[in-house]
Amino acid sequence: MSSDGDGALLAVLERARGHGFLGPGPVADHLEHARGCAAAAIGVLGHLPAAVVDLGTGGGVPGLVLAWDWPRARIELVDANARRGDHLRQAITDLGIESRVRVHTARAEIVAHDPALRESAELVTARSFGPPALTAEVGAGFAAIGGFLVVSEPPGGDVGRWPAASLELLGFGPPQLVTAGGRSYAAIRKKVGTATSMPRSTKQLAKRPAW
């Protein structure tokens, strides 16, 4: 983090909103939501993660915020959209964090099979990436054993969206609901390795979701 506080980070988030890469509401609200995700993650992990994968980073929430706030973490930002990828690359340059943050402009279910990233992340995060079944199957490919998938939940949260029996088939334990900063997050621990066939292809994920 640089000496200007959050000024540089807010600037890149404002730029993202100008491009239509952030949802409605003030940028400060998006920043607080991302920091709630960070607090939830630290709460379940018990420490700051060294390696993070953020699914569907878009305008930078939560991935860019985590990269800014956690100066010793290696962060992988995954977004299939080329324009959003260009925005993220410019953002990490502007923030001076390009030495430890990478952008992957490809489908996350493909990137998850990269041997360098496979089951390598202590923390996998997602906000508005997709429905729970998709998020869990893709996230399982990145999450290290003992690591966590932390996903932003609708207001109030509902662990019923994450059936334990289906999660177990992906290598996860049962879900828990975590509240931080007045927002809800599903936190799911990776217990055992995930089958090498997971995540499946884009077509299979769409036609036959895990639940």
C-alpha atoms as a PDB file:
ATOM      1  CA  MET A   1       0.000   0.000   0.000  1.00  0.00           C
ATOM      2  CA  SER A   2       1.393   3.407  -0.912  1.00  0.00           C
ATOM      3  CA  SER A   3       1.529   6.526   1.263  1.00  0.00           C
ATOM      4  CA  ASP A   4      -1.599   8.082  -0.273  1.00  0.00           C
ATOM      5  CA  GLY A   5      -3.932   5.836   1.722  1.00  0.00           C
ATOM      6  CA  ASP A   6      -6.741   4.596  -0.452  1.00  0.00           C
ATOM      7  CA  GLY A   7      -6.514   7.423  -2.986  1.00  0.00           C
ATOM      8  CA  ALA A   8      -4.932   5.397  -5.798  1.00  0.00           C
ATOM      9  CA  LEU A   9      -7.210   2.438  -5.163  1.00  0.00           C
ATOM     10  CA  LEU A  10     -10.344   4.585  -5.207  1.00  0.00           C
ATOM     11  CA  ALA A  11      -9.144   6.164  -8.463  1.00  0.00           C
ATOM     12  CA  VAL A  12      -8.878   2.822 -10.269  1.00  0.00           C
ATOM     13  CA  LEU A  13     -12.240   1.713  -8.874  1.00  0.00           C
ATOM     14  CA  GLU A  14     -13.839   4.958 -10.065  1.00  0.00           C
ATOM     15  CA  ARG A  15     -12.352   4.313 -13.488  1.00  0.00           C
ATOM     16  CA  ALA A  16     -13.803   0.820 -13.434  1.00  0.00           C
ATOM     17  CA  ARG A  17     -17.228   2.220 -12.650  1.00  0.00           C
ATOM     18  CA  GLY A  18     -16.862   4.651 -15.532  1.00  0.00           C
ATOM     19  CA  HIS A  19     -16.270   1.687 -17.836  1.00  0.00           C
ATOM     20  CA  GLY A  20     -19.323  -0.111 -16.466  1.00  0.00           C
ATOM     21  CA  PHE A  21     -17.229  -2.791 -14.728  1.00  0.00           C
ATOM     22  CA  LEU A  22     -18.658  -2.162 -11.239  1.00  0.00           C
ATOM     23  CA  GLY A  23     -22.232  -2.535 -10.118  1.00  0.00           C
ATOM     24  CA  PRO A  24     -24.488   0.275  -8.877  1.00  0.00           C
ATOM     25  CA  GLY A  25     -23.790   2.272  -5.758  1.00  0.00           C
ATOM     26  CA  PRO A  26     -20.910   4.405  -4.514  1.00  0.00           C
ATOM     27  CA  VAL A  27     -17.390   3.106  -5.010  1.00  0.00           C
ATOM     28  CA  ALA A  28     -16.891   3.350  -1.242  1.00  0.00           C
ATOM     29  CA  ASP A  29     -19.602   0.702  -0.766  1.00  0.00           C
ATOM     30  CA  HIS A  30     -17.796  -1.676  -3.130  1.00  0.00           C
ATOM     31  CA  LEU A  31     -14.579  -1.048  -1.207  1.00  0.00           C
ATOM     32  CA  GLU A  32     -16.275  -1.850   2.109  1.00  0.00           C
ATOM     33  CA  HIS A  33     -17.797  -5.023   0.649  1.00  0.00           C
ATOM     34  CA  ALA A  34     -14.361  -6.190  -0.485  1.00  0.00           C
ATOM     35  CA  ARG A  35     -12.889  -5.475   2.924  1.00  0.00           C
ATOM     36  CA  GLY A  36     -15.700  -7.453   4.502  1.00  0.00           C
ATOM     37  CA  CYS A  37     -14.607 -10.369   2.331  1.00  0.00           C
ATOM     38  CA  ALA A  38     -11.042  -9.879   3.561  1.00  0.00           C
ATOM     39  CA  ALA A  39     -12.179  -9.894   7.195  1.00  0.00           C
ATOM     40  CA  ALA A  40     -14.268 -13.032   6.631  1.00  0.00           C
ATOM     41  CA  ALA A  41     -11.317 -14.783   5.004  1.00  0.00           C
ATOM     42  CA  ILE A  42      -8.889 -13.911   7.788  1.00  0.00           C
ATOM     43  CA  GLY A  43     -11.466 -15.025  10.313  1.00  0.00           C
ATOM     44  CA  VAL A  44     -11.725 -18.538   8.920  1.00  0.00           C
ATOM     45  CA  LEU A  45      -8.085 -18.939   7.917  1.00  0.00           C
ATOM     46  CA  GLY A  46      -6.662 -17.484  11.097  1.00  0.00           C
ATOM     47  CA  HIS A  47      -3.939 -15.606   9.215  1.00  0.00           C
ATOM     48  CA  LEU A  48      -3.268 -13.540   6.105  1.00  0.00           C
ATOM     49  CA  PRO A  49      -3.142 -15.791   3.035  1.00  0.00           C
ATOM     50  CA  ALA A  50       0.010 -15.958   0.943  1.00  0.00           C
ATOM     51  CA  ALA A  51      -1.715 -16.987  -2.301  1.00  0.00           C
ATOM     52  CA  VAL A  52      -5.125 -15.825  -3.513  1.00  0.00           C
ATOM     53  CA  VAL A  53      -7.196 -16.421  -6.628  1.00  0.00           C
ATOM     54  CA  ASP A  54     -10.101 -14.065  -7.343  1.00  0.00           C
ATOM     55  CA  LEU A  55     -12.742 -15.373  -9.746  1.00  0.00           C
ATOM     56  CA  GLY A  56     -14.400 -12.956 -12.154  1.00  0.00           C
ATOM     57  CA  THR A  57     -12.525  -9.923 -10.835  1.00  0.00           C
ATOM     58  CA  GLY A  58     -14.273  -7.497 -13.200  1.00  0.00           C
ATOM     59  CA  GLY A  59     -13.702  -3.938 -12.003  1.00  0.00           C
ATOM     60  CA  GLY A  60     -11.458  -5.121  -9.168  1.00  0.00           C
ATOM     61  CA  VAL A  61     -13.726  -6.211  -6.322  1.00  0.00           C
ATOM     62  CA  PRO A  62     -12.568  -7.919  -4.250  1.00  0.00           C
ATOM     63  CA  GLY A  63      -9.337  -8.919  -6.011  1.00  0.00           C
ATOM     64  CA  LEU A  64      -7.671  -5.528  -6.448  1.00  0.00           C
ATOM     65  CA  VAL A  65      -8.662  -4.487  -2.938  1.00  0.00           C
ATOM     66  CA  LEU A  66      -7.111  -7.630  -1.448  1.00  0.00           C
ATOM     67  CA  ALA A  67      -3.955  -7.049  -3.480  1.00  0.00           C
ATOM     68  CA  TRP A  68      -3.754  -3.464  -2.211  1.00  0.00           C
ATOM     69  CA  ASP A  69      -4.409  -4.332   1.429  1.00  0.00           C
ATOM     70  CA  TRP A  70      -2.242  -7.461   1.597  1.00  0.00           C
ATOM     71  CA  PRO A  71       1.209  -6.364   0.346  1.00  0.00           C
ATOM     72  CA  ARG A  72       2.844  -9.771   0.864  1.00  0.00           C
ATOM     73  CA  ALA A  73       0.205 -11.844  -0.907  1.00  0.00           C
ATOM     74  CA  ARG A  74       0.473 -13.243  -4.408  1.00  0.00           C
ATOM     75  CA  ILE A  75      -2.812 -12.515  -6.173  1.00  0.00           C
ATOM     76  CA  GLU A  76      -4.173 -14.082  -9.351  1.00  0.00           C
ATOM     77  CA  LEU A  77      -7.038 -12.143 -10.966  1.00  0.00           C
ATOM     78  CA  VAL A  78      -9.151 -14.192 -13.369  1.00  0.00           C
ATOM     79  CA  ASP A  79     -11.593 -12.603 -15.806  1.00  0.00           C
ATOM     80  CA  ALA A  80     -12.483 -13.857 -19.260  1.00  0.00           C
ATOM     81  CA  ASN A  81     -13.425 -10.444 -20.670  1.00  0.00           C
ATOM     82  CA  ALA A  82     -10.599  -8.798 -22.627  1.00  0.00           C
ATOM     83  CA  ARG A  83     -11.654  -5.211 -21.835  1.00  0.00           C
ATOM     84  CA  ARG A  84     -11.879  -5.923 -18.132  1.00  0.00           C
ATOM     85  CA  GLY A  85      -8.527  -7.689 -18.327  1.00  0.00           C
ATOM     86  CA  ASP A  86      -6.945  -4.597 -19.906  1.00  0.00           C
ATOM     87  CA  HIS A  87      -8.446  -2.442 -17.158  1.00  0.00           C
ATOM     88  CA  LEU A  88      -7.034  -4.728 -14.466  1.00  0.00           C
ATOM     89  CA  ARG A  89      -3.554  -4.757 -15.977  1.00  0.00           C
ATOM     90  CA  GLN A  90      -3.502  -0.966 -16.116  1.00  0.00           C
ATOM     91  CA  ALA A  91      -4.820  -0.829 -12.561  1.00  0.00           C
ATOM     92  CA  ILE A  92      -2.095  -3.045 -11.097  1.00  0.00           C
ATOM     93  CA  THR A  93       0.506  -0.913 -12.890  1.00  0.00           C
ATOM     94  CA  ASP A  94      -1.024   2.282 -11.539  1.00  0.00           C
ATOM     95  CA  LEU A  95      -1.050   0.790  -8.043  1.00  0.00           C
ATOM     96  CA  GLY A  96       2.551  -0.402  -8.323  1.00  0.00           C
ATOM     97  CA  ILE A  97       1.711  -4.013  -7.467  1.00  0.00           C
ATOM     98  CA  GLU A  98       2.505  -5.706 -10.777  1.00  0.00           C
ATOM     99  CA  SER A  99       5.397  -7.707  -9.298  1.00  0.00           C
ATOM    100  CA  ARG A 100       3.008  -9.928  -7.315  1.00  0.00           C
ATOM    101  CA  VAL A 101      -0.356  -9.617  -9.073  1.00  0.00           C
ATOM    102  CA  ARG A 102      -1.205 -11.292 -12.376  1.00  0.00           C
ATOM    103  CA  VAL A 103      -4.230 -11.070 -14.636  1.00  0.00           C
ATOM    104  CA  HIS A 104      -5.504 -14.130 -16.488  1.00  0.00           C
ATOM    105  CA  THR A 105      -7.819 -13.234 -19.369  1.00  0.00           C
ATOM    106  CA  ALA A 106      -9.402 -16.624 -19.982  1.00  0.00           C
ATOM    107  CA  ARG A 107     -12.283 -18.766 -18.775  1.00  0.00           C
ATOM    108  CA  ALA A 108     -11.690 -19.610 -15.119  1.00  0.00           C
ATOM    109  CA  GLU A 109     -12.586 -23.272 -15.701  1.00  0.00           C
ATOM    110  CA  ILE A 110      -9.661 -23.429 -18.142  1.00  0.00           C
ATOM    111  CA  VAL A 111      -7.204 -21.489 -15.978  1.00  0.00           C
ATOM    112  CA  ALA A 112      -8.017 -23.862 -13.099  1.00  0.00           C
ATOM    113  CA  HIS A 113      -6.220 -26.648 -14.984  1.00  0.00           C
ATOM    114  CA  ASP A 114      -2.961 -24.665 -15.265  1.00  0.00           C
ATOM    115  CA  PRO A 115      -0.421 -26.798 -13.326  1.00  0.00           C
ATOM    116  CA  ALA A 116       1.113 -23.664 -11.839  1.00  0.00           C
ATOM    117  CA  LEU A 117      -2.199 -22.643 -10.278  1.00  0.00           C
ATOM    118  CA  ARG A 118      -3.862 -25.986  -9.679  1.00  0.00           C
ATOM    119  CA  GLU A 119      -4.912 -26.304  -6.012  1.00  0.00           C
ATOM    120  CA  SER A 120      -2.384 -23.615  -5.125  1.00  0.00           C
ATOM    121  CA  ALA A 121      -4.438 -20.917  -3.378  1.00  0.00           C
ATOM    122  CA  GLU A 122      -4.988 -20.643   0.346  1.00  0.00           C
ATOM    123  CA  LEU A 123      -7.930 -18.421  -0.514  1.00  0.00           C
ATOM    124  CA  VAL A 124     -10.270 -18.320  -3.496  1.00  0.00           C
ATOM    125  CA  THR A 125     -12.707 -15.415  -3.587  1.00  0.00           C
ATOM    126  CA  ALA A 126     -15.727 -14.622  -5.712  1.00  0.00           C
ATOM    127  CA  ARG A 127     -18.355 -11.923  -5.931  1.00  0.00           C
ATOM    128  CA  SER A 128     -21.085 -12.228  -8.577  1.00  0.00           C
ATOM    129  CA  PHE A 129     -19.012 -14.831 -10.434  1.00  0.00           C
ATOM    130  CA  GLY A 130     -21.913 -17.207 -11.017  1.00  0.00           C
ATOM    131  CA  PRO A 131     -24.378 -19.507  -9.271  1.00  0.00           C
ATOM    132  CA  PRO A 132     -23.091 -21.535  -6.304  1.00  0.00           C
ATOM    133  CA  ALA A 133     -22.634 -24.801  -8.244  1.00  0.00           C
ATOM    134  CA  LEU A 134     -20.453 -23.109 -10.861  1.00  0.00           C
ATOM    135  CA  THR A 135     -18.472 -21.095  -8.320  1.00  0.00           C
ATOM    136  CA  ALA A 136     -17.768 -24.144  -6.172  1.00  0.00           C
ATOM    137  CA  GLU A 137     -16.679 -26.400  -9.033  1.00  0.00           C
ATOM    138  CA  VAL A 138     -14.371 -23.796 -10.536  1.00  0.00           C
ATOM    139  CA  GLY A 139     -13.088 -22.693  -7.146  1.00  0.00           C
ATOM    140  CA  ALA A 140     -12.258 -26.274  -6.219  1.00  0.00           C
ATOM    141  CA  GLY A 141      -9.706 -26.372  -9.012  1.00  0.00           C
ATOM    142  CA  PHE A 142      -7.772 -23.481  -7.466  1.00  0.00           C
ATOM    143  CA  ALA A 143      -8.216 -24.043  -3.721  1.00  0.00           C
ATOM    144  CA  ALA A 144      -5.396 -25.762  -1.865  1.00  0.00           C
ATOM    145  CA  ILE A 145      -6.195 -28.479   0.663  1.00  0.00           C
ATOM    146  CA  GLY A 146      -6.800 -26.658   3.923  1.00  0.00           C
ATOM    147  CA  GLY A 147      -7.629 -23.434   2.082  1.00  0.00           C
ATOM    148  CA  PHE A 148     -10.997 -21.719   1.759  1.00  0.00           C
ATOM    149  CA  LEU A 149     -13.441 -20.608  -0.880  1.00  0.00           C
ATOM    150  CA  VAL A 150     -15.078 -17.371   0.329  1.00  0.00           C
ATOM    151  CA  VAL A 151     -18.051 -16.112  -1.672  1.00  0.00           C
ATOM    152  CA  SER A 152     -20.154 -12.973  -1.266  1.00  0.00           C
ATOM    153  CA  GLU A 153     -23.714 -13.929  -0.380  1.00  0.00           C
ATOM    154  CA  PRO A 154     -27.022 -12.133  -0.905  1.00  0.00           C
ATOM    155  CA  PRO A 155     -28.177 -10.035   2.073  1.00  0.00           C
ATOM    156  CA  GLY A 156     -28.632 -12.268   5.090  1.00  0.00           C
ATOM    157  CA  GLY A 157     -26.958 -15.248   3.435  1.00  0.00           C
ATOM    158  CA  ASP A 158     -28.308 -18.765   3.043  1.00  0.00           C
ATOM    159  CA  VAL A 159     -26.055 -21.801   3.468  1.00  0.00           C
ATOM    160  CA  GLY A 160     -28.835 -23.841   1.872  1.00  0.00           C
ATOM    161  CA  ARG A 161     -27.497 -22.583  -1.447  1.00  0.00           C
ATOM    162  CA  TRP A 162     -24.415 -24.738  -0.787  1.00  0.00           C
ATOM    163  CA  PRO A 163     -25.468 -28.390  -0.237  1.00  0.00           C
ATOM    164  CA  ALA A 164     -22.858 -30.202   1.828  1.00  0.00           C
ATOM    165  CA  ALA A 165     -23.194 -33.513  -0.042  1.00  0.00           C
ATOM    166  CA  SER A 166     -22.481 -31.846  -3.395  1.00  0.00           C
ATOM    167  CA  LEU A 167     -19.593 -29.844  -1.972  1.00  0.00           C
ATOM    168  CA  GLU A 168     -18.057 -33.035  -0.592  1.00  0.00           C
ATOM    169  CA  LEU A 169     -17.829 -34.463  -4.117  1.00  0.00           C
ATOM    170  CA  LEU A 170     -15.643 -31.480  -5.026  1.00  0.00           C
ATOM    171  CA  GLY A 171     -13.356 -31.949  -2.012  1.00  0.00           C
ATOM    172  CA  PHE A 172     -14.991 -29.346   0.227  1.00  0.00           C
ATOM    173  CA  GLY A 173     -16.287 -29.562   3.753  1.00  0.00           C
ATOM    174  CA  PRO A 174     -19.658 -28.184   4.834  1.00  0.00           C
ATOM    175  CA  PRO A 175     -20.329 -24.459   4.317  1.00  0.00           C
ATOM    176  CA  GLN A 176     -20.430 -21.870   7.038  1.00  0.00           C
ATOM    177  CA  LEU A 177     -21.985 -18.429   6.957  1.00  0.00           C
ATOM    178  CA  VAL A 178     -19.716 -15.585   8.066  1.00  0.00           C
ATOM    179  CA  THR A 179     -20.799 -11.999   8.684  1.00  0.00           C
ATOM    180  CA  ALA A 180     -18.289  -9.162   8.399  1.00  0.00           C
ATOM    181  CA  GLY A 181     -18.943  -5.476   8.037  1.00  0.00           C
ATOM    182  CA  GLY A 182     -22.671  -6.138   8.040  1.00  0.00           C
ATOM    183  CA  ARG A 183     -22.405  -8.356   4.950  1.00  0.00           C
ATOM    184  CA  SER A 184     -22.654 -12.109   4.519  1.00  0.00           C
ATOM    185  CA  TYR A 185     -20.124 -14.516   3.014  1.00  0.00           C
ATOM    186  CA  ALA A 186     -20.112 -18.278   2.527  1.00  0.00           C
ATOM    187  CA  ALA A 187     -16.829 -19.821   3.680  1.00  0.00           C
ATOM    188  CA  ILE A 188     -16.067 -23.371   2.577  1.00  0.00           C
ATOM    189  CA  ARG A 189     -12.922 -25.281   3.536  1.00  0.00           C
ATOM    190  CA  LYS A 190     -11.129 -27.538   1.072  1.00  0.00           C
ATOM    191  CA  LYS A 191     -10.653 -30.897   2.833  1.00  0.00           C
ATOM    192  CA  VAL A 192      -9.233 -33.217   0.171  1.00  0.00           C
ATOM    193  CA  GLY A 193      -7.953 -32.993  -3.380  1.00  0.00           C
ATOM    194  CA  THR A 194     -10.360 -32.400  -6.235  1.00  0.00           C
ATOM    195  CA  ALA A 195     -10.651 -34.854  -9.126  1.00  0.00           C
ATOM    196  CA  THR A 196      -8.407 -33.836 -12.016  1.00  0.00           C
ATOM    197  CA  SER A 197     -11.451 -33.762 -14.295  1.00  0.00           C
ATOM    198  CA  MET A 198     -12.855 -30.835 -12.304  1.00  0.00           C
ATOM    199  CA  PRO A 199     -13.803 -28.237 -13.224  1.00  0.00           C
ATOM    200  CA  ARG A 200     -15.452 -29.582 -16.337  1.00  0.00           C
ATOM    201  CA  SER A 201     -15.664 -27.803 -19.683  1.00  0.00           C
ATOM    202  CA  THR A 202     -17.703 -24.643 -20.133  1.00  0.00           C
ATOM    203  CA  LYS A 203     -20.397 -26.549 -22.010  1.00  0.00           C
ATOM    204  CA  GLN A 204     -20.668 -29.262 -19.353  1.00  0.00           C
ATOM    205  CA  LEU A 205     -20.846 -26.731 -16.551  1.00  0.00           C
ATOM    206  CA  ALA A 206     -23.713 -24.974 -18.274  1.00  0.00           C
ATOM    207  CA  LYS A 207     -25.669 -28.091 -19.243  1.00  0.00           C
ATOM    208  CA  ARG A 208     -25.134 -30.197 -16.116  1.00  0.00           C
ATOM    209  CA  PRO A 209     -24.428 -28.061 -13.032  1.00  0.00           C
ATOM    210  CA  ALA A 210     -23.156 -29.889  -9.960  1.00  0.00           C
ATOM    211  CA  TRP A 211     -26.498 -29.177  -8.243  1.00  0.00           C
END
